[in-house]
Amino acid sequence: MQDAGFILEQKAVEPFMKNGYVLGCPSTGQAAYIDPGDEVTQLLEWIDTQGLELVSILNTHGHMDHICGVGSVKERWDVPICLHPDDKFLYDALSEQGEWFGVSYSQAPRLDCYLEAGQEIRVGDLILKVHHTPGHSPGSVCFETAGRIFCGDLIFASSVGRTDLPGGSQSVLLESIRNRILPLGDEMVLHPGHGPATTVGQERLSNPFLVDFEP
C-alpha cells in the first residue's frame, strides 16, 4: 500500500497469523519493521525489492509471535531493536514462551533502546508517536502516524487482546482503549496484530467489549 504520505506492506503466516508491518517514507526510502514474526522472510525480501533502507525494529509488545523474527531482521539490518521496558521479561524469555506453545525459537538478540509514552520516533519524514497501552501485556505500546495506529494485540476488529498471559489485565486493557485509543477520533485507522484493519469509529459502534463505554 502506498499513498502520498507513506508506504505500507503487511504479511501474516501460520502458525499464528500475526501481522508484521513494514512502514516506509516514500521521500527518503527509510522504513521501520513493526513486530517481526514468522513472516520475516517475506517482508525482508519485500524491503530489498523496494530498495528501502530499514532504520528501526519496533515492537508493540514482547509476546513470541511478535518478536520471533527480530533476530533475522537484526542479522540482515543492524538497526536498533526497541521495546517498552515493562515487557523486557517477556522478550528475554522468547525460548521459554515457545516451549509453552510447543514451538522452538532461539533467544532474541539484545535490546538496543526502550520505548516510553509520548516518545516520537523518526522514520524519514514520518513521525511515529508512542502510546503506552498496557493490558494485553504490561509494556504494550501503540505507534501512531499519518492517521493510523499500529496497535499490536490491544484491540482487533470486533474484539480485544487476550489477558490471560503473564502480566495481562482486562480492566487495564479496557482502560487503555478508553483513554488512549478512543480519543484519537473515529477516523483513525487501526492496524492490529491479527486480522483486518478497522477504525476507531467502527469499533466504538460494533465492538462488543466497548458497548458499555460512554461516548
N, C-alpha and C. Protein backbone atom coordinates (compact mmCIF):
# COMPACT_ATOMS: atom_id res chain seq x y z
N MET A 1 0.85 -1.19 0.00
CA MET A 1 0.00 0.00 0.00
C MET A 1 0.88 1.24 0.00
N GLN A 2 0.55 2.21 -0.85
CA GLN A 2 1.31 3.45 -0.88
C GLN A 2 0.38 4.60 -1.20
N ASP A 3 0.52 5.70 -0.44
CA ASP A 3 -0.14 6.93 -0.80
C ASP A 3 0.90 8.04 -0.72
N ALA A 4 0.47 9.27 -0.76
CA ALA A 4 1.42 10.37 -0.81
C ALA A 4 2.27 10.47 0.44
N GLY A 5 1.79 9.88 1.55
CA GLY A 5 2.49 10.08 2.82
C GLY A 5 3.28 8.91 3.35
N PHE A 6 3.02 7.70 2.88
CA PHE A 6 3.71 6.55 3.45
C PHE A 6 3.62 5.34 2.53
N ILE A 7 4.49 4.38 2.80
CA ILE A 7 4.47 3.07 2.16
C ILE A 7 4.17 2.06 3.25
N LEU A 8 3.32 1.08 2.98
CA LEU A 8 2.97 0.09 3.99
C LEU A 8 2.81 -1.27 3.35
N GLU A 9 3.48 -2.25 3.92
CA GLU A 9 3.32 -3.64 3.50
C GLU A 9 3.05 -4.49 4.73
N GLN A 10 2.15 -5.45 4.58
CA GLN A 10 1.71 -6.31 5.69
C GLN A 10 1.75 -7.76 5.26
N LYS A 11 2.23 -8.63 6.15
CA LYS A 11 2.21 -10.06 5.89
C LYS A 11 1.83 -10.79 7.18
N ALA A 12 1.17 -11.95 7.01
CA ALA A 12 0.84 -12.83 8.13
C ALA A 12 0.93 -14.27 7.64
N VAL A 13 1.56 -15.14 8.42
CA VAL A 13 1.72 -16.53 8.04
C VAL A 13 1.39 -17.43 9.23
N GLU A 14 1.21 -18.71 8.94
CA GLU A 14 0.99 -19.69 10.01
C GLU A 14 2.26 -19.84 10.83
N PRO A 15 2.20 -20.27 12.10
CA PRO A 15 1.00 -20.79 12.75
C PRO A 15 0.13 -19.74 13.44
N PHE A 16 0.64 -18.54 13.65
CA PHE A 16 -0.10 -17.58 14.48
C PHE A 16 -0.84 -16.53 13.67
N MET A 17 -0.59 -16.44 12.36
CA MET A 17 -1.23 -15.43 11.52
C MET A 17 -1.16 -14.05 12.16
N LYS A 18 0.04 -13.72 12.59
CA LYS A 18 0.32 -12.43 13.22
C LYS A 18 0.75 -11.45 12.14
N ASN A 19 0.19 -10.26 12.16
CA ASN A 19 0.54 -9.25 11.16
C ASN A 19 1.89 -8.62 11.47
N GLY A 20 2.81 -8.72 10.51
CA GLY A 20 4.04 -7.94 10.54
C GLY A 20 3.90 -6.81 9.55
N TYR A 21 4.43 -5.64 9.90
CA TYR A 21 4.28 -4.46 9.05
C TYR A 21 5.64 -3.83 8.75
N VAL A 22 5.80 -3.38 7.52
CA VAL A 22 6.91 -2.50 7.17
C VAL A 22 6.30 -1.17 6.76
N LEU A 23 6.69 -0.14 7.48
CA LEU A 23 6.18 1.21 7.24
C LEU A 23 7.33 2.05 6.69
N GLY A 24 7.13 2.64 5.51
CA GLY A 24 8.21 3.38 4.87
C GLY A 24 7.84 4.80 4.51
N CYS A 25 8.87 5.62 4.39
CA CYS A 25 8.73 7.02 3.96
C CYS A 25 9.07 7.09 2.48
N PRO A 26 8.12 7.47 1.62
CA PRO A 26 8.38 7.47 0.18
C PRO A 26 9.43 8.49 -0.27
N SER A 27 9.58 9.58 0.46
CA SER A 27 10.52 10.61 0.03
C SER A 27 11.97 10.30 0.37
N THR A 28 12.19 9.50 1.42
CA THR A 28 13.57 9.18 1.84
C THR A 28 13.93 7.72 1.65
N GLY A 29 12.93 6.84 1.53
CA GLY A 29 13.20 5.41 1.40
C GLY A 29 13.53 4.73 2.71
N GLN A 30 13.44 5.45 3.83
CA GLN A 30 13.68 4.83 5.12
C GLN A 30 12.41 4.10 5.59
N ALA A 31 12.61 3.04 6.40
CA ALA A 31 11.48 2.22 6.82
C ALA A 31 11.71 1.64 8.21
N ALA A 32 10.62 1.30 8.88
CA ALA A 32 10.65 0.59 10.16
C ALA A 32 9.90 -0.72 10.00
N TYR A 33 10.39 -1.75 10.66
CA TYR A 33 9.71 -3.05 10.71
C TYR A 33 9.02 -3.13 12.06
N ILE A 34 7.70 -3.26 12.05
CA ILE A 34 6.90 -3.34 13.26
C ILE A 34 6.51 -4.79 13.52
N ASP A 35 6.95 -5.33 14.65
CA ASP A 35 6.60 -6.68 15.11
C ASP A 35 7.08 -7.79 14.18
N PRO A 36 8.39 -7.96 14.03
CA PRO A 36 8.89 -9.06 13.19
C PRO A 36 8.55 -10.43 13.78
N GLY A 37 7.88 -11.26 12.97
CA GLY A 37 7.50 -12.59 13.40
C GLY A 37 7.83 -13.63 12.36
N ASP A 38 7.00 -14.65 12.24
CA ASP A 38 7.28 -15.75 11.33
C ASP A 38 7.20 -15.34 9.86
N GLU A 39 6.67 -14.18 9.57
CA GLU A 39 6.57 -13.67 8.20
C GLU A 39 7.85 -12.98 7.75
N VAL A 40 8.89 -13.03 8.57
CA VAL A 40 10.07 -12.19 8.38
C VAL A 40 10.75 -12.40 7.02
N THR A 41 10.80 -13.63 6.54
CA THR A 41 11.46 -13.88 5.25
C THR A 41 10.79 -13.10 4.14
N GLN A 42 9.46 -13.14 4.09
CA GLN A 42 8.73 -12.45 3.04
C GLN A 42 8.92 -10.94 3.11
N LEU A 43 8.88 -10.38 4.31
CA LEU A 43 8.99 -8.92 4.40
C LEU A 43 10.42 -8.44 4.19
N LEU A 44 11.42 -9.22 4.60
CA LEU A 44 12.79 -8.83 4.30
C LEU A 44 13.04 -8.83 2.79
N GLU A 45 12.48 -9.82 2.10
CA GLU A 45 12.61 -9.85 0.64
C GLU A 45 11.90 -8.64 0.02
N TRP A 46 10.73 -8.29 0.56
CA TRP A 46 9.99 -7.14 0.03
C TRP A 46 10.77 -5.85 0.24
N ILE A 47 11.39 -5.68 1.39
CA ILE A 47 12.21 -4.50 1.65
C ILE A 47 13.29 -4.38 0.58
N ASP A 48 13.94 -5.51 0.27
CA ASP A 48 15.01 -5.48 -0.75
C ASP A 48 14.47 -5.12 -2.12
N THR A 49 13.32 -5.71 -2.50
CA THR A 49 12.78 -5.43 -3.83
C THR A 49 12.35 -3.97 -3.98
N GLN A 50 11.97 -3.34 -2.86
CA GLN A 50 11.54 -1.94 -2.90
C GLN A 50 12.70 -0.97 -2.77
N GLY A 51 13.88 -1.50 -2.47
CA GLY A 51 15.03 -0.63 -2.29
C GLY A 51 14.95 0.26 -1.07
N LEU A 52 14.28 -0.22 -0.02
CA LEU A 52 14.15 0.58 1.19
C LEU A 52 15.35 0.39 2.11
N GLU A 53 15.54 1.35 2.97
CA GLU A 53 16.58 1.29 3.99
C GLU A 53 15.93 1.16 5.36
N LEU A 54 16.09 0.00 5.99
CA LEU A 54 15.49 -0.20 7.31
C LEU A 54 16.30 0.57 8.35
N VAL A 55 15.59 1.32 9.22
CA VAL A 55 16.29 2.13 10.23
C VAL A 55 15.91 1.75 11.65
N SER A 56 14.86 0.95 11.85
CA SER A 56 14.50 0.57 13.21
C SER A 56 13.60 -0.66 13.21
N ILE A 57 13.65 -1.39 14.33
CA ILE A 57 12.77 -2.52 14.62
C ILE A 57 11.92 -2.11 15.81
N LEU A 58 10.62 -2.01 15.62
CA LEU A 58 9.71 -1.51 16.65
C LEU A 58 8.77 -2.62 17.07
N ASN A 59 8.73 -2.90 18.36
CA ASN A 59 7.90 -3.98 18.89
C ASN A 59 6.76 -3.42 19.74
N THR A 60 5.52 -3.80 19.39
CA THR A 60 4.39 -3.35 20.19
C THR A 60 4.35 -4.02 21.55
N HIS A 61 4.88 -5.24 21.65
CA HIS A 61 4.97 -5.93 22.94
C HIS A 61 5.88 -7.15 22.78
N GLY A 62 6.03 -7.91 23.88
CA GLY A 62 7.05 -8.94 23.90
C GLY A 62 6.58 -10.36 23.74
N HIS A 63 5.36 -10.60 23.27
CA HIS A 63 4.91 -11.97 23.05
C HIS A 63 5.60 -12.57 21.83
N MET A 64 5.80 -13.89 21.89
CA MET A 64 6.70 -14.55 20.95
C MET A 64 6.33 -14.35 19.49
N ASP A 65 5.03 -14.34 19.16
CA ASP A 65 4.66 -14.21 17.76
C ASP A 65 4.99 -12.83 17.20
N HIS A 66 5.23 -11.86 18.09
CA HIS A 66 5.55 -10.50 17.67
C HIS A 66 7.05 -10.21 17.69
N ILE A 67 7.85 -11.13 18.23
CA ILE A 67 9.30 -10.87 18.33
C ILE A 67 10.16 -12.00 17.76
N CYS A 68 9.56 -13.12 17.34
CA CYS A 68 10.38 -14.27 16.96
C CYS A 68 11.19 -14.04 15.69
N GLY A 69 10.87 -13.01 14.92
CA GLY A 69 11.65 -12.69 13.73
C GLY A 69 12.68 -11.59 13.93
N VAL A 70 12.78 -11.06 15.15
CA VAL A 70 13.68 -9.94 15.39
C VAL A 70 15.13 -10.31 15.06
N GLY A 71 15.54 -11.52 15.45
CA GLY A 71 16.91 -11.93 15.20
C GLY A 71 17.26 -11.95 13.73
N SER A 72 16.34 -12.40 12.89
CA SER A 72 16.59 -12.44 11.45
C SER A 72 16.71 -11.04 10.87
N VAL A 73 15.88 -10.11 11.38
CA VAL A 73 15.97 -8.73 10.90
C VAL A 73 17.29 -8.10 11.34
N LYS A 74 17.65 -8.32 12.59
CA LYS A 74 18.88 -7.74 13.13
C LYS A 74 20.10 -8.27 12.38
N GLU A 75 20.07 -9.53 11.99
CA GLU A 75 21.18 -10.11 11.25
C GLU A 75 21.34 -9.45 9.88
N ARG A 76 20.21 -9.14 9.25
CA ARG A 76 20.25 -8.53 7.92
C ARG A 76 20.48 -7.02 7.99
N TRP A 77 19.84 -6.38 8.97
CA TRP A 77 19.93 -4.93 9.14
C TRP A 77 20.32 -4.65 10.59
N ASP A 78 21.51 -4.14 10.82
CA ASP A 78 21.97 -3.86 12.18
C ASP A 78 21.42 -2.52 12.64
N VAL A 79 20.12 -2.53 12.99
CA VAL A 79 19.42 -1.32 13.39
C VAL A 79 18.87 -1.51 14.80
N PRO A 80 18.50 -0.43 15.49
CA PRO A 80 18.04 -0.55 16.89
C PRO A 80 16.76 -1.37 17.03
N ILE A 81 16.75 -2.23 18.05
CA ILE A 81 15.57 -3.00 18.45
C ILE A 81 14.95 -2.28 19.63
N CYS A 82 13.67 -1.90 19.51
CA CYS A 82 13.03 -1.06 20.51
C CYS A 82 11.81 -1.76 21.11
N LEU A 83 11.67 -1.64 22.42
CA LEU A 83 10.57 -2.27 23.16
C LEU A 83 10.36 -1.48 24.45
N HIS A 84 9.14 -1.50 24.97
CA HIS A 84 8.90 -0.88 26.27
C HIS A 84 9.55 -1.73 27.37
N PRO A 85 10.19 -1.10 28.35
CA PRO A 85 10.91 -1.88 29.37
C PRO A 85 10.04 -2.82 30.18
N ASP A 86 8.75 -2.53 30.32
CA ASP A 86 7.89 -3.40 31.11
C ASP A 86 7.65 -4.76 30.46
N ASP A 87 8.04 -4.90 29.19
CA ASP A 87 7.92 -6.21 28.52
C ASP A 87 9.26 -6.89 28.30
N LYS A 88 10.32 -6.36 28.91
CA LYS A 88 11.63 -7.00 28.75
C LYS A 88 11.62 -8.43 29.28
N PHE A 89 10.88 -8.68 30.36
CA PHE A 89 10.85 -10.03 30.93
C PHE A 89 10.27 -11.04 29.94
N LEU A 90 9.35 -10.60 29.10
CA LEU A 90 8.80 -11.47 28.06
C LEU A 90 9.80 -11.62 26.91
N TYR A 91 10.37 -10.52 26.49
CA TYR A 91 11.33 -10.53 25.39
C TYR A 91 12.50 -11.46 25.70
N ASP A 92 13.00 -11.38 26.92
CA ASP A 92 14.14 -12.20 27.32
C ASP A 92 13.79 -13.68 27.48
N ALA A 93 12.50 -13.99 27.46
CA ALA A 93 12.04 -15.38 27.64
C ALA A 93 11.44 -15.94 26.36
N LEU A 94 11.96 -15.49 25.19
CA LEU A 94 11.39 -15.96 23.93
C LEU A 94 11.42 -17.48 23.82
N SER A 95 12.54 -18.11 24.14
CA SER A 95 12.62 -19.58 24.05
C SER A 95 11.61 -20.24 24.97
N GLU A 96 11.48 -19.73 26.18
CA GLU A 96 10.52 -20.30 27.12
C GLU A 96 9.09 -20.11 26.64
N GLN A 97 8.80 -18.97 26.06
CA GLN A 97 7.46 -18.76 25.51
C GLN A 97 7.15 -19.80 24.44
N GLY A 98 8.13 -20.06 23.58
CA GLY A 98 7.93 -21.06 22.55
C GLY A 98 7.60 -22.42 23.14
N GLU A 99 8.27 -22.78 24.22
CA GLU A 99 8.02 -24.07 24.86
C GLU A 99 6.58 -24.17 25.36
N TRP A 100 6.01 -23.04 25.82
CA TRP A 100 4.63 -23.07 26.28
C TRP A 100 3.67 -23.52 25.19
N PHE A 101 4.01 -23.19 23.94
CA PHE A 101 3.12 -23.46 22.81
C PHE A 101 3.66 -24.53 21.87
N GLY A 102 4.73 -25.20 22.29
CA GLY A 102 5.24 -26.32 21.51
C GLY A 102 5.99 -25.94 20.25
N VAL A 103 6.57 -24.74 20.23
CA VAL A 103 7.39 -24.32 19.09
C VAL A 103 8.78 -23.94 19.60
N SER A 104 9.76 -23.98 18.72
CA SER A 104 11.14 -23.74 19.11
C SER A 104 11.65 -22.42 18.52
N TYR A 105 12.08 -21.52 19.41
CA TYR A 105 12.67 -20.26 18.98
C TYR A 105 13.97 -20.04 19.74
N SER A 106 14.98 -19.51 19.05
CA SER A 106 16.21 -19.11 19.71
C SER A 106 15.97 -17.83 20.51
N GLN A 107 16.84 -17.57 21.46
CA GLN A 107 16.72 -16.34 22.22
C GLN A 107 16.84 -15.12 21.31
N ALA A 108 16.09 -14.09 21.62
CA ALA A 108 16.14 -12.85 20.84
C ALA A 108 17.41 -12.08 21.13
N PRO A 109 17.91 -11.32 20.18
CA PRO A 109 19.11 -10.50 20.42
C PRO A 109 18.85 -9.41 21.45
N ARG A 110 19.93 -8.85 21.96
CA ARG A 110 19.84 -7.82 22.98
C ARG A 110 19.06 -6.60 22.49
N LEU A 111 18.23 -6.07 23.37
CA LEU A 111 17.51 -4.83 23.05
C LEU A 111 18.49 -3.66 22.96
N ASP A 112 18.17 -2.70 22.09
CA ASP A 112 19.01 -1.52 21.92
C ASP A 112 18.43 -0.28 22.57
N CYS A 113 17.10 -0.18 22.65
CA CYS A 113 16.52 1.03 23.24
C CYS A 113 15.15 0.70 23.82
N TYR A 114 14.78 1.48 24.81
CA TYR A 114 13.48 1.33 25.45
C TYR A 114 12.53 2.43 24.98
N LEU A 115 11.29 2.05 24.78
CA LEU A 115 10.25 2.98 24.38
C LEU A 115 9.57 3.57 25.61
N GLU A 116 9.06 4.79 25.47
CA GLU A 116 8.31 5.41 26.56
C GLU A 116 7.15 6.20 26.00
N ALA A 117 6.13 6.38 26.83
CA ALA A 117 4.94 7.12 26.41
C ALA A 117 5.30 8.53 25.97
N GLY A 118 4.74 8.94 24.83
CA GLY A 118 4.97 10.26 24.31
C GLY A 118 6.20 10.41 23.45
N GLN A 119 7.03 9.37 23.41
CA GLN A 119 8.24 9.41 22.58
C GLN A 119 7.87 9.53 21.11
N GLU A 120 8.68 10.24 20.35
CA GLU A 120 8.48 10.36 18.91
C GLU A 120 9.66 9.72 18.19
N ILE A 121 9.37 8.83 17.25
CA ILE A 121 10.38 8.09 16.50
C ILE A 121 10.32 8.56 15.05
N ARG A 122 11.47 8.96 14.52
CA ARG A 122 11.51 9.44 13.14
C ARG A 122 11.89 8.31 12.20
N VAL A 123 11.11 8.15 11.14
CA VAL A 123 11.41 7.22 10.05
C VAL A 123 11.34 8.05 8.77
N GLY A 124 12.48 8.55 8.33
CA GLY A 124 12.47 9.51 7.23
C GLY A 124 11.69 10.74 7.64
N ASP A 125 10.69 11.11 6.85
CA ASP A 125 9.85 12.26 7.16
C ASP A 125 8.65 11.89 8.02
N LEU A 126 8.48 10.62 8.34
CA LEU A 126 7.38 10.18 9.19
C LEU A 126 7.76 10.31 10.66
N ILE A 127 6.80 10.71 11.48
CA ILE A 127 6.98 10.75 12.93
C ILE A 127 5.99 9.77 13.56
N LEU A 128 6.49 8.79 14.29
CA LEU A 128 5.65 7.83 14.98
C LEU A 128 5.61 8.19 16.46
N LYS A 129 4.41 8.42 16.98
CA LYS A 129 4.24 8.72 18.39
C LYS A 129 3.94 7.45 19.15
N VAL A 130 4.61 7.27 20.28
CA VAL A 130 4.44 6.07 21.10
C VAL A 130 3.36 6.32 22.15
N HIS A 131 2.37 5.41 22.21
CA HIS A 131 1.36 5.40 23.26
C HIS A 131 1.58 4.15 24.12
N HIS A 132 1.75 4.30 25.42
CA HIS A 132 1.84 3.15 26.31
C HIS A 132 0.43 2.68 26.63
N THR A 133 0.11 1.45 26.21
CA THR A 133 -1.25 0.92 26.32
C THR A 133 -1.24 -0.46 26.96
N PRO A 134 -0.94 -0.55 28.25
CA PRO A 134 -0.86 -1.85 28.91
C PRO A 134 -2.22 -2.54 29.00
N GLY A 135 -2.17 -3.82 29.32
CA GLY A 135 -3.38 -4.62 29.49
C GLY A 135 -3.21 -5.98 28.87
N HIS A 136 -2.88 -6.03 27.59
CA HIS A 136 -2.55 -7.30 26.96
C HIS A 136 -1.24 -7.81 27.54
N SER A 137 -0.33 -6.90 27.76
CA SER A 137 0.91 -7.14 28.49
C SER A 137 1.28 -5.83 29.17
N PRO A 138 2.16 -5.86 30.16
CA PRO A 138 2.46 -4.61 30.88
C PRO A 138 3.11 -3.54 30.02
N GLY A 139 3.90 -3.95 29.04
CA GLY A 139 4.62 -2.99 28.23
C GLY A 139 4.07 -2.80 26.83
N SER A 140 2.84 -3.16 26.60
CA SER A 140 2.25 -2.97 25.27
C SER A 140 2.23 -1.50 24.90
N VAL A 141 2.58 -1.23 23.65
CA VAL A 141 2.52 0.14 23.13
C VAL A 141 1.83 0.13 21.78
N CYS A 142 1.40 1.31 21.35
CA CYS A 142 0.88 1.53 20.01
C CYS A 142 1.72 2.63 19.35
N PHE A 143 1.81 2.56 18.03
CA PHE A 143 2.56 3.56 17.26
C PHE A 143 1.58 4.31 16.36
N GLU A 144 1.53 5.62 16.53
CA GLU A 144 0.60 6.46 15.77
C GLU A 144 1.35 7.29 14.74
N THR A 145 0.86 7.29 13.50
CA THR A 145 1.42 8.14 12.46
C THR A 145 0.45 8.26 11.31
N ALA A 146 0.39 9.40 10.70
CA ALA A 146 -0.33 9.63 9.44
C ALA A 146 -1.77 9.11 9.47
N GLY A 147 -2.49 9.36 10.57
CA GLY A 147 -3.89 8.94 10.66
C GLY A 147 -4.08 7.45 10.88
N ARG A 148 -3.02 6.77 11.28
CA ARG A 148 -3.08 5.33 11.51
C ARG A 148 -2.40 5.00 12.81
N ILE A 149 -2.82 3.90 13.42
CA ILE A 149 -2.18 3.46 14.65
C ILE A 149 -1.95 1.95 14.57
N PHE A 150 -0.74 1.55 14.86
CA PHE A 150 -0.35 0.14 14.88
C PHE A 150 -0.48 -0.30 16.33
N CYS A 151 -1.53 -1.11 16.59
CA CYS A 151 -1.99 -1.30 17.96
C CYS A 151 -1.68 -2.67 18.54
N GLY A 152 -0.85 -3.47 17.86
CA GLY A 152 -0.49 -4.76 18.43
C GLY A 152 -1.71 -5.58 18.75
N ASP A 153 -1.72 -6.17 19.95
CA ASP A 153 -2.85 -7.01 20.35
C ASP A 153 -3.73 -6.33 21.38
N LEU A 154 -3.74 -5.01 21.37
CA LEU A 154 -4.63 -4.27 22.27
C LEU A 154 -6.08 -4.41 21.85
N ILE A 155 -6.34 -4.15 20.58
CA ILE A 155 -7.71 -4.16 20.06
C ILE A 155 -7.70 -4.71 18.64
N PHE A 156 -8.72 -5.49 18.31
CA PHE A 156 -8.88 -6.06 16.97
C PHE A 156 -10.24 -5.63 16.42
N ALA A 157 -10.50 -5.96 15.16
CA ALA A 157 -11.83 -5.77 14.60
C ALA A 157 -12.80 -6.65 15.38
N SER A 158 -13.72 -6.02 16.10
CA SER A 158 -14.78 -6.69 16.87
C SER A 158 -14.27 -7.50 18.05
N SER A 159 -13.07 -7.24 18.53
CA SER A 159 -12.56 -7.97 19.69
C SER A 159 -11.44 -7.17 20.34
N VAL A 160 -10.87 -7.74 21.40
CA VAL A 160 -9.71 -7.16 22.07
C VAL A 160 -8.72 -8.27 22.36
N GLY A 161 -7.53 -7.88 22.80
CA GLY A 161 -6.49 -8.85 23.07
C GLY A 161 -6.77 -9.70 24.30
N ARG A 162 -6.20 -10.90 24.30
CA ARG A 162 -6.34 -11.78 25.45
C ARG A 162 -5.57 -11.20 26.63
N THR A 163 -6.02 -11.55 27.84
CA THR A 163 -5.39 -11.01 29.04
C THR A 163 -5.06 -12.10 30.05
N ASP A 164 -4.99 -13.35 29.57
CA ASP A 164 -4.74 -14.48 30.47
C ASP A 164 -3.28 -14.91 30.49
N LEU A 165 -2.39 -14.17 29.83
CA LEU A 165 -0.97 -14.46 29.85
C LEU A 165 -0.30 -13.60 30.93
N PRO A 166 0.95 -13.93 31.31
CA PRO A 166 1.60 -13.20 32.41
C PRO A 166 1.60 -11.69 32.20
N GLY A 167 1.12 -10.97 33.22
CA GLY A 167 1.08 -9.52 33.17
C GLY A 167 -0.15 -8.93 32.53
N GLY A 168 -1.08 -9.77 32.07
CA GLY A 168 -2.28 -9.28 31.42
C GLY A 168 -3.35 -8.87 32.41
N SER A 169 -4.20 -7.93 32.01
CA SER A 169 -5.32 -7.48 32.84
C SER A 169 -6.39 -6.90 31.95
N GLN A 170 -7.59 -7.47 31.98
CA GLN A 170 -8.65 -6.95 31.12
C GLN A 170 -9.08 -5.55 31.54
N SER A 171 -9.14 -5.29 32.83
CA SER A 171 -9.56 -3.95 33.26
C SER A 171 -8.55 -2.90 32.81
N VAL A 172 -7.27 -3.22 32.89
CA VAL A 172 -6.24 -2.29 32.43
C VAL A 172 -6.30 -2.13 30.92
N LEU A 173 -6.51 -3.24 30.20
CA LEU A 173 -6.61 -3.17 28.74
C LEU A 173 -7.76 -2.27 28.31
N LEU A 174 -8.92 -2.43 28.92
CA LEU A 174 -10.07 -1.61 28.54
C LEU A 174 -9.84 -0.14 28.90
N GLU A 175 -9.13 0.10 30.00
CA GLU A 175 -8.80 1.48 30.35
C GLU A 175 -7.86 2.09 29.32
N SER A 176 -6.91 1.29 28.81
CA SER A 176 -6.01 1.78 27.77
C SER A 176 -6.79 2.16 26.51
N ILE A 177 -7.74 1.31 26.13
CA ILE A 177 -8.56 1.62 24.95
C ILE A 177 -9.36 2.89 25.17
N ARG A 178 -9.97 3.01 26.35
CA ARG A 178 -10.79 4.17 26.64
C ARG A 178 -9.97 5.47 26.64
N ASN A 179 -8.79 5.41 27.25
CA ASN A 179 -8.02 6.63 27.47
C ASN A 179 -7.05 6.97 26.35
N ARG A 180 -6.61 5.97 25.60
CA ARG A 180 -5.56 6.20 24.60
C ARG A 180 -6.02 6.02 23.16
N ILE A 181 -7.00 5.16 22.92
CA ILE A 181 -7.41 4.85 21.55
C ILE A 181 -8.66 5.64 21.14
N LEU A 182 -9.72 5.55 21.92
CA LEU A 182 -10.96 6.22 21.54
C LEU A 182 -10.79 7.74 21.36
N PRO A 183 -9.97 8.42 22.19
CA PRO A 183 -9.83 9.87 22.00
C PRO A 183 -9.12 10.26 20.71
N LEU A 184 -8.55 9.30 19.98
CA LEU A 184 -7.86 9.63 18.74
C LEU A 184 -8.82 9.98 17.61
N GLY A 185 -10.13 9.68 17.80
CA GLY A 185 -11.13 10.07 16.81
C GLY A 185 -11.57 8.92 15.93
N ASP A 186 -12.81 9.00 15.47
CA ASP A 186 -13.42 7.89 14.74
C ASP A 186 -12.75 7.58 13.41
N GLU A 187 -12.05 8.54 12.81
CA GLU A 187 -11.42 8.30 11.51
C GLU A 187 -10.08 7.58 11.61
N MET A 188 -9.55 7.46 12.81
CA MET A 188 -8.25 6.82 12.98
C MET A 188 -8.32 5.36 12.54
N VAL A 189 -7.41 4.97 11.65
CA VAL A 189 -7.33 3.60 11.17
C VAL A 189 -6.49 2.78 12.14
N LEU A 190 -7.00 1.60 12.50
CA LEU A 190 -6.30 0.70 13.41
C LEU A 190 -5.71 -0.46 12.63
N HIS A 191 -4.41 -0.69 12.78
CA HIS A 191 -3.75 -1.84 12.18
C HIS A 191 -3.36 -2.79 13.32
N PRO A 192 -4.14 -3.84 13.53
CA PRO A 192 -3.93 -4.71 14.68
C PRO A 192 -2.90 -5.80 14.41
N GLY A 193 -2.54 -6.50 15.49
CA GLY A 193 -1.58 -7.58 15.38
C GLY A 193 -2.13 -8.82 14.72
N HIS A 194 -3.44 -8.96 14.64
CA HIS A 194 -4.08 -10.10 13.98
C HIS A 194 -5.35 -9.60 13.31
N GLY A 195 -5.63 -10.13 12.13
CA GLY A 195 -6.86 -9.80 11.46
C GLY A 195 -6.80 -8.51 10.67
N PRO A 196 -7.96 -8.08 10.13
CA PRO A 196 -8.00 -6.94 9.22
C PRO A 196 -7.92 -5.60 9.93
N ALA A 197 -7.59 -4.58 9.16
CA ALA A 197 -7.62 -3.21 9.68
C ALA A 197 -9.07 -2.81 9.96
N THR A 198 -9.21 -1.84 10.85
CA THR A 198 -10.53 -1.32 11.18
C THR A 198 -10.36 0.16 11.53
N THR A 199 -11.36 0.77 12.11
CA THR A 199 -11.26 2.16 12.53
C THR A 199 -11.77 2.31 13.95
N VAL A 200 -11.37 3.40 14.59
CA VAL A 200 -11.87 3.68 15.92
C VAL A 200 -13.39 3.79 15.90
N GLY A 201 -13.95 4.48 14.89
CA GLY A 201 -15.40 4.64 14.82
C GLY A 201 -16.13 3.32 14.68
N GLN A 202 -15.60 2.43 13.84
CA GLN A 202 -16.24 1.12 13.67
C GLN A 202 -16.24 0.35 14.97
N GLU A 203 -15.13 0.38 15.68
CA GLU A 203 -15.06 -0.37 16.95
C GLU A 203 -15.90 0.27 18.03
N ARG A 204 -16.00 1.56 18.02
CA ARG A 204 -16.85 2.23 19.00
C ARG A 204 -18.30 1.79 18.85
N LEU A 205 -18.71 1.56 17.59
CA LEU A 205 -20.10 1.19 17.32
C LEU A 205 -20.39 -0.30 17.48
N SER A 206 -19.41 -1.15 17.13
CA SER A 206 -19.74 -2.57 16.98
C SER A 206 -18.93 -3.53 17.84
N ASN A 207 -17.85 -3.07 18.45
CA ASN A 207 -17.03 -4.00 19.24
C ASN A 207 -17.77 -4.34 20.53
N PRO A 208 -18.08 -5.62 20.77
CA PRO A 208 -18.87 -5.98 21.95
C PRO A 208 -18.18 -5.66 23.27
N PHE A 209 -16.86 -5.51 23.27
CA PHE A 209 -16.16 -5.17 24.50
C PHE A 209 -16.26 -3.69 24.84
N LEU A 210 -16.77 -2.89 23.90
CA LEU A 210 -16.82 -1.45 24.11
C LEU A 210 -18.23 -0.91 24.25
N VAL A 211 -19.23 -1.80 24.23
CA VAL A 211 -20.62 -1.33 24.18
C VAL A 211 -21.02 -0.54 25.41
N ASP A 212 -20.37 -0.78 26.54
CA ASP A 212 -20.74 -0.07 27.77
C ASP A 212 -19.94 1.20 27.99
N PHE A 213 -19.04 1.52 27.05
CA PHE A 213 -18.24 2.73 27.21
C PHE A 213 -19.10 3.95 26.94
N GLU A 214 -18.89 4.97 27.73
CA GLU A 214 -19.57 6.25 27.50
C GLU A 214 -18.95 6.92 26.26
N PRO A 215 -19.72 7.59 25.43
CA PRO A 215 -19.16 8.30 24.27
C PRO A 215 -18.26 9.45 24.70
